[in-house]
N, C-alpha and C. Protein backbone atom coordinates (compact mmCIF):
# COMPACT_ATOMS: atom_id res chain seq x y z
N UNK A 1 13.57 -0.58 7.46
CA UNK A 1 12.79 -0.34 6.26
C UNK A 1 13.70 -0.57 5.07
N UNK A 2 13.12 -1.09 4.03
CA UNK A 2 13.86 -1.37 2.82
C UNK A 2 13.15 -0.73 1.65
N UNK A 3 13.90 -0.13 0.73
CA UNK A 3 13.31 0.49 -0.45
C UNK A 3 13.76 -0.28 -1.67
N UNK A 4 12.81 -0.54 -2.56
CA UNK A 4 13.11 -1.21 -3.83
C UNK A 4 12.43 -0.46 -4.96
N UNK A 5 13.15 -0.27 -6.03
CA UNK A 5 12.57 0.30 -7.25
C UNK A 5 12.35 -0.84 -8.22
N UNK A 6 11.09 -1.15 -8.48
CA UNK A 6 10.74 -2.28 -9.34
C UNK A 6 9.90 -1.81 -10.52
N UNK A 7 10.06 -2.50 -11.63
CA UNK A 7 9.16 -2.24 -12.76
C UNK A 7 7.78 -2.79 -12.37
N UNK A 8 6.76 -2.43 -13.13
CA UNK A 8 5.40 -2.85 -12.79
C UNK A 8 5.26 -4.37 -12.76
N UNK A 9 5.88 -5.06 -13.72
CA UNK A 9 5.79 -6.52 -13.78
C UNK A 9 6.41 -7.17 -12.53
N UNK A 10 7.59 -6.69 -12.14
CA UNK A 10 8.26 -7.25 -10.95
C UNK A 10 7.49 -6.90 -9.68
N UNK A 11 6.93 -5.68 -9.63
CA UNK A 11 6.15 -5.27 -8.48
C UNK A 11 4.97 -6.20 -8.26
N UNK A 12 4.26 -6.52 -9.35
CA UNK A 12 3.11 -7.42 -9.24
C UNK A 12 3.53 -8.82 -8.85
N UNK A 13 4.73 -9.25 -9.29
CA UNK A 13 5.22 -10.58 -8.93
C UNK A 13 5.58 -10.65 -7.45
N UNK A 14 6.17 -9.59 -6.93
CA UNK A 14 6.58 -9.56 -5.52
C UNK A 14 5.41 -9.27 -4.61
N UNK A 15 4.49 -8.42 -5.03
CA UNK A 15 3.36 -7.98 -4.20
C UNK A 15 2.06 -8.12 -4.97
N UNK A 16 1.60 -9.36 -5.21
CA UNK A 16 0.37 -9.52 -6.01
C UNK A 16 -0.84 -8.84 -5.39
N UNK A 17 -0.96 -8.84 -4.06
CA UNK A 17 -2.10 -8.18 -3.41
C UNK A 17 -2.08 -6.68 -3.66
N UNK A 18 -0.91 -6.08 -3.58
CA UNK A 18 -0.80 -4.63 -3.76
C UNK A 18 -1.11 -4.27 -5.22
N UNK A 19 -0.65 -5.10 -6.16
CA UNK A 19 -0.94 -4.84 -7.56
C UNK A 19 -2.44 -4.83 -7.81
N UNK A 20 -3.16 -5.78 -7.22
CA UNK A 20 -4.62 -5.82 -7.36
C UNK A 20 -5.25 -4.62 -6.67
N UNK A 21 -4.69 -4.23 -5.53
CA UNK A 21 -5.24 -3.10 -4.78
C UNK A 21 -5.10 -1.79 -5.55
N UNK A 22 -4.08 -1.69 -6.37
CA UNK A 22 -3.85 -0.47 -7.12
C UNK A 22 -4.52 -0.47 -8.50
N UNK A 23 -5.28 -1.50 -8.80
CA UNK A 23 -5.95 -1.57 -10.10
C UNK A 23 -7.04 -0.50 -10.17
N UNK A 24 -7.41 -0.11 -11.38
CA UNK A 24 -8.46 0.90 -11.54
C UNK A 24 -9.81 0.45 -10.98
N UNK A 25 -10.00 -0.86 -10.80
CA UNK A 25 -11.27 -1.39 -10.30
C UNK A 25 -11.27 -1.56 -8.78
N UNK A 26 -10.20 -1.17 -8.11
CA UNK A 26 -10.11 -1.35 -6.65
C UNK A 26 -11.20 -0.56 -5.95
N UNK A 27 -11.76 -1.15 -4.91
CA UNK A 27 -12.80 -0.51 -4.10
C UNK A 27 -12.45 -0.69 -2.63
N UNK A 28 -13.06 0.09 -1.78
CA UNK A 28 -12.82 0.01 -0.33
C UNK A 28 -13.13 -1.40 0.18
N UNK A 29 -12.23 -1.92 0.98
CA UNK A 29 -12.36 -3.26 1.55
C UNK A 29 -13.65 -3.41 2.36
N UNK A 30 -14.06 -2.37 3.05
CA UNK A 30 -15.21 -2.47 3.95
C UNK A 30 -16.53 -2.05 3.30
N UNK A 31 -16.54 -0.92 2.60
CA UNK A 31 -17.83 -0.42 2.11
C UNK A 31 -17.98 -0.45 0.60
N UNK A 32 -16.90 -0.73 -0.11
CA UNK A 32 -16.96 -0.74 -1.56
C UNK A 32 -16.89 0.64 -2.18
N UNK A 33 -16.60 1.64 -1.37
CA UNK A 33 -16.54 3.01 -1.86
C UNK A 33 -15.28 3.34 -2.63
N UNK A 34 -15.17 4.59 -3.03
CA UNK A 34 -14.03 5.11 -3.79
C UNK A 34 -12.76 4.97 -2.97
N UNK A 35 -11.72 4.35 -3.53
CA UNK A 35 -10.49 4.13 -2.75
C UNK A 35 -9.76 5.43 -2.45
N UNK A 36 -9.18 5.49 -1.28
CA UNK A 36 -8.37 6.62 -0.83
C UNK A 36 -6.92 6.19 -0.66
N UNK A 37 -6.72 5.03 -0.04
CA UNK A 37 -5.37 4.55 0.20
C UNK A 37 -5.35 3.03 0.11
N UNK A 38 -4.19 2.52 -0.22
CA UNK A 38 -3.97 1.07 -0.27
C UNK A 38 -2.64 0.82 0.40
N UNK A 39 -2.61 -0.18 1.24
CA UNK A 39 -1.35 -0.49 1.90
C UNK A 39 -1.47 -1.74 2.73
N UNK A 40 -0.35 -2.08 3.33
CA UNK A 40 -0.32 -3.25 4.20
C UNK A 40 -1.13 -2.99 5.45
N UNK A 41 -1.91 -3.95 5.84
CA UNK A 41 -2.68 -3.89 7.08
C UNK A 41 -1.67 -3.97 8.23
N UNK A 42 -1.53 -2.89 9.00
CA UNK A 42 -0.51 -2.85 10.04
C UNK A 42 -0.75 -3.87 11.15
N UNK A 43 -1.99 -4.25 11.39
CA UNK A 43 -2.25 -5.28 12.40
C UNK A 43 -1.79 -6.65 11.88
N UNK A 44 -1.98 -6.90 10.59
CA UNK A 44 -1.49 -8.15 10.00
C UNK A 44 0.03 -8.18 10.03
N UNK A 45 0.66 -7.05 9.71
CA UNK A 45 2.13 -6.98 9.73
C UNK A 45 2.69 -7.31 11.11
N UNK A 46 2.00 -6.85 12.15
CA UNK A 46 2.46 -7.12 13.52
C UNK A 46 2.46 -8.61 13.81
N UNK A 47 1.66 -9.37 13.07
CA UNK A 47 1.60 -10.82 13.26
C UNK A 47 2.45 -11.55 12.22
N UNK A 48 3.20 -10.80 11.40
CA UNK A 48 4.06 -11.42 10.41
C UNK A 48 3.35 -11.77 9.11
N UNK A 49 2.14 -11.24 8.92
CA UNK A 49 1.38 -11.50 7.70
C UNK A 49 1.45 -10.28 6.79
N UNK A 50 1.37 -10.50 5.50
CA UNK A 50 1.34 -9.39 4.57
C UNK A 50 0.00 -9.39 3.86
N UNK A 51 -0.88 -8.50 4.30
CA UNK A 51 -2.20 -8.36 3.71
C UNK A 51 -2.40 -6.91 3.30
N UNK A 52 -2.91 -6.73 2.11
CA UNK A 52 -3.14 -5.40 1.58
C UNK A 52 -4.62 -5.06 1.70
N UNK A 53 -4.89 -3.83 2.12
CA UNK A 53 -6.27 -3.36 2.19
C UNK A 53 -6.37 -2.03 1.46
N UNK A 54 -7.48 -1.87 0.76
CA UNK A 54 -7.83 -0.60 0.12
C UNK A 54 -8.95 -0.02 0.95
N UNK A 55 -8.81 1.26 1.32
CA UNK A 55 -9.83 1.91 2.14
C UNK A 55 -10.21 3.26 1.56
N UNK A 56 -11.47 3.63 1.76
CA UNK A 56 -11.93 4.98 1.41
C UNK A 56 -11.58 5.90 2.59
N UNK A 57 -11.80 7.19 2.45
CA UNK A 57 -11.45 8.13 3.51
C UNK A 57 -12.21 7.83 4.81
N UNK A 58 -13.55 7.74 4.79
CA UNK A 58 -14.25 7.50 6.06
C UNK A 58 -13.85 6.18 6.72
N UNK A 59 -13.72 5.12 5.94
CA UNK A 59 -13.36 3.82 6.52
C UNK A 59 -11.92 3.85 7.05
N UNK A 60 -11.03 4.51 6.35
CA UNK A 60 -9.66 4.62 6.82
C UNK A 60 -9.61 5.35 8.16
N UNK A 61 -10.32 6.46 8.25
CA UNK A 61 -10.34 7.23 9.50
C UNK A 61 -10.94 6.41 10.64
N UNK A 62 -12.05 5.73 10.39
CA UNK A 62 -12.71 4.96 11.45
C UNK A 62 -11.88 3.75 11.85
N UNK A 63 -11.33 3.04 10.88
CA UNK A 63 -10.50 1.87 11.19
C UNK A 63 -9.30 2.27 12.05
N UNK A 64 -8.61 3.33 11.66
CA UNK A 64 -7.42 3.75 12.41
C UNK A 64 -7.79 4.33 13.78
N UNK A 65 -8.92 5.03 13.87
CA UNK A 65 -9.37 5.54 15.17
C UNK A 65 -9.64 4.37 16.12
N UNK A 66 -10.37 3.37 15.63
CA UNK A 66 -10.71 2.21 16.45
C UNK A 66 -9.45 1.45 16.86
N UNK A 67 -8.58 1.17 15.89
CA UNK A 67 -7.36 0.39 16.18
C UNK A 67 -6.47 1.13 17.17
N UNK A 68 -6.32 2.43 17.01
CA UNK A 68 -5.48 3.22 17.93
C UNK A 68 -6.03 3.14 19.35
N UNK A 69 -7.33 3.32 19.49
CA UNK A 69 -7.95 3.26 20.81
C UNK A 69 -7.73 1.89 21.45
N UNK A 70 -7.89 0.84 20.67
CA UNK A 70 -7.72 -0.52 21.19
C UNK A 70 -6.25 -0.83 21.52
N UNK A 71 -5.33 -0.37 20.69
CA UNK A 71 -3.90 -0.62 20.95
C UNK A 71 -3.44 0.07 22.23
N UNK A 72 -3.89 1.29 22.44
CA UNK A 72 -3.51 2.04 23.64
C UNK A 72 -4.02 1.33 24.90
N UNK A 73 -5.13 0.63 24.78
CA UNK A 73 -5.74 -0.05 25.93
C UNK A 73 -5.05 -1.38 26.28
N UNK A 74 -4.17 -1.87 25.41
CA UNK A 74 -3.48 -3.13 25.71
C UNK A 74 -2.57 -2.94 26.92
N UNK A 75 -2.54 -3.92 27.81
CA UNK A 75 -1.69 -3.80 28.99
C UNK A 75 -0.20 -3.87 28.65
N UNK A 76 0.61 -3.21 29.44
CA UNK A 76 2.06 -3.27 29.28
C UNK A 76 2.60 -4.59 29.80
N UNK A 77 3.79 -4.94 29.33
CA UNK A 77 4.49 -6.09 29.88
C UNK A 77 4.02 -7.44 29.41
N UNK A 78 3.27 -7.50 28.31
CA UNK A 78 2.80 -8.79 27.81
C UNK A 78 3.94 -9.54 27.12
N UNK A 79 3.92 -10.83 27.23
CA UNK A 79 4.90 -11.66 26.51
C UNK A 79 4.62 -11.53 25.01
N UNK A 80 5.60 -11.89 24.19
CA UNK A 80 5.42 -11.81 22.74
C UNK A 80 4.25 -12.69 22.30
N UNK A 81 4.14 -13.85 22.88
CA UNK A 81 3.04 -14.77 22.55
C UNK A 81 1.69 -14.13 22.88
N UNK A 82 1.61 -13.51 24.03
CA UNK A 82 0.36 -12.87 24.47
C UNK A 82 0.05 -11.63 23.60
N UNK A 83 1.11 -10.88 23.23
CA UNK A 83 0.90 -9.72 22.35
C UNK A 83 0.29 -10.15 21.03
N UNK A 84 0.83 -11.24 20.45
CA UNK A 84 0.30 -11.73 19.18
C UNK A 84 -1.16 -12.17 19.33
N UNK A 85 -1.47 -12.82 20.43
CA UNK A 85 -2.86 -13.24 20.68
C UNK A 85 -3.77 -12.02 20.79
N UNK A 86 -3.31 -11.00 21.50
CA UNK A 86 -4.11 -9.77 21.66
C UNK A 86 -4.31 -9.07 20.31
N UNK A 87 -3.26 -9.01 19.50
CA UNK A 87 -3.38 -8.36 18.19
C UNK A 87 -4.30 -9.16 17.28
N UNK A 88 -4.23 -10.48 17.34
CA UNK A 88 -5.13 -11.33 16.55
C UNK A 88 -6.58 -11.03 16.94
N UNK A 89 -6.85 -10.94 18.23
CA UNK A 89 -8.20 -10.62 18.69
C UNK A 89 -8.61 -9.21 18.28
N UNK A 90 -7.65 -8.30 18.34
CA UNK A 90 -7.91 -6.91 17.94
C UNK A 90 -8.30 -6.84 16.46
N UNK A 91 -7.62 -7.59 15.61
CA UNK A 91 -7.97 -7.63 14.19
C UNK A 91 -9.41 -8.10 14.00
N UNK A 92 -9.79 -9.13 14.74
CA UNK A 92 -11.16 -9.64 14.64
C UNK A 92 -12.16 -8.60 15.12
N UNK A 93 -11.85 -7.95 16.24
CA UNK A 93 -12.75 -6.90 16.76
C UNK A 93 -12.83 -5.72 15.79
N UNK A 94 -11.71 -5.37 15.18
CA UNK A 94 -11.70 -4.25 14.23
C UNK A 94 -12.57 -4.56 13.02
N UNK A 95 -12.44 -5.76 12.47
CA UNK A 95 -13.27 -6.13 11.33
C UNK A 95 -14.75 -6.15 11.71
N UNK A 96 -15.07 -6.71 12.88
CA UNK A 96 -16.46 -6.73 13.34
C UNK A 96 -16.97 -5.31 13.55
N UNK A 97 -16.14 -4.46 14.14
CA UNK A 97 -16.53 -3.07 14.37
C UNK A 97 -16.81 -2.37 13.05
N UNK A 98 -15.94 -2.58 12.06
CA UNK A 98 -16.12 -1.91 10.77
C UNK A 98 -17.40 -2.39 10.09
N UNK A 99 -17.70 -3.65 10.17
CA UNK A 99 -18.94 -4.16 9.57
C UNK A 99 -20.16 -3.53 10.24
N UNK A 100 -20.14 -3.43 11.57
CA UNK A 100 -21.24 -2.77 12.30
C UNK A 100 -21.31 -1.29 11.91
N UNK A 101 -20.17 -0.64 11.88
CA UNK A 101 -20.10 0.79 11.59
C UNK A 101 -20.66 1.06 10.20
N UNK A 102 -20.31 0.23 9.23
CA UNK A 102 -20.83 0.39 7.87
C UNK A 102 -22.35 0.21 7.85
N UNK A 103 -22.83 -0.81 8.53
CA UNK A 103 -24.29 -1.05 8.50
C UNK A 103 -25.04 0.07 9.21
N UNK A 104 -24.47 0.64 10.27
CA UNK A 104 -25.15 1.74 10.98
C UNK A 104 -25.08 3.05 10.20
N UNK A 105 -24.02 3.21 9.45
CA UNK A 105 -23.80 4.46 8.72
C UNK A 105 -24.59 4.49 7.43
N UNK A 106 -24.96 3.31 6.92
CA UNK A 106 -25.72 3.25 5.67
C UNK A 106 -24.81 3.19 4.47
N UNK A 107 -25.38 3.38 3.32
CA UNK A 107 -24.63 3.25 2.08
C UNK A 107 -23.70 4.43 1.89
N UNK A 108 -22.73 4.22 0.98
CA UNK A 108 -21.71 5.23 0.69
C UNK A 108 -22.32 6.39 -0.07
């Protein structure tokens, strides 16, 4: 882990997605609700990508519950190539799950 203390201008230059995520107009990535947290998508990070997501409390809880359950179910001993493929598929399943979950749950 690395820590950097940056001014706001440098922070936005280094992390443009995070700067946008922390704007006063930021909304939940999935439902458009009131933001609770913003951070790097840990599934994207596992694939070497840096993507920022803003989530509300219910979406954050559901996304992490789903991802945890799916990660635990991955078989042991996979090659690095296979792990990346599994995580890529997991990201797709997680996004599809969240879209279904939002539509079943109704509006915020």
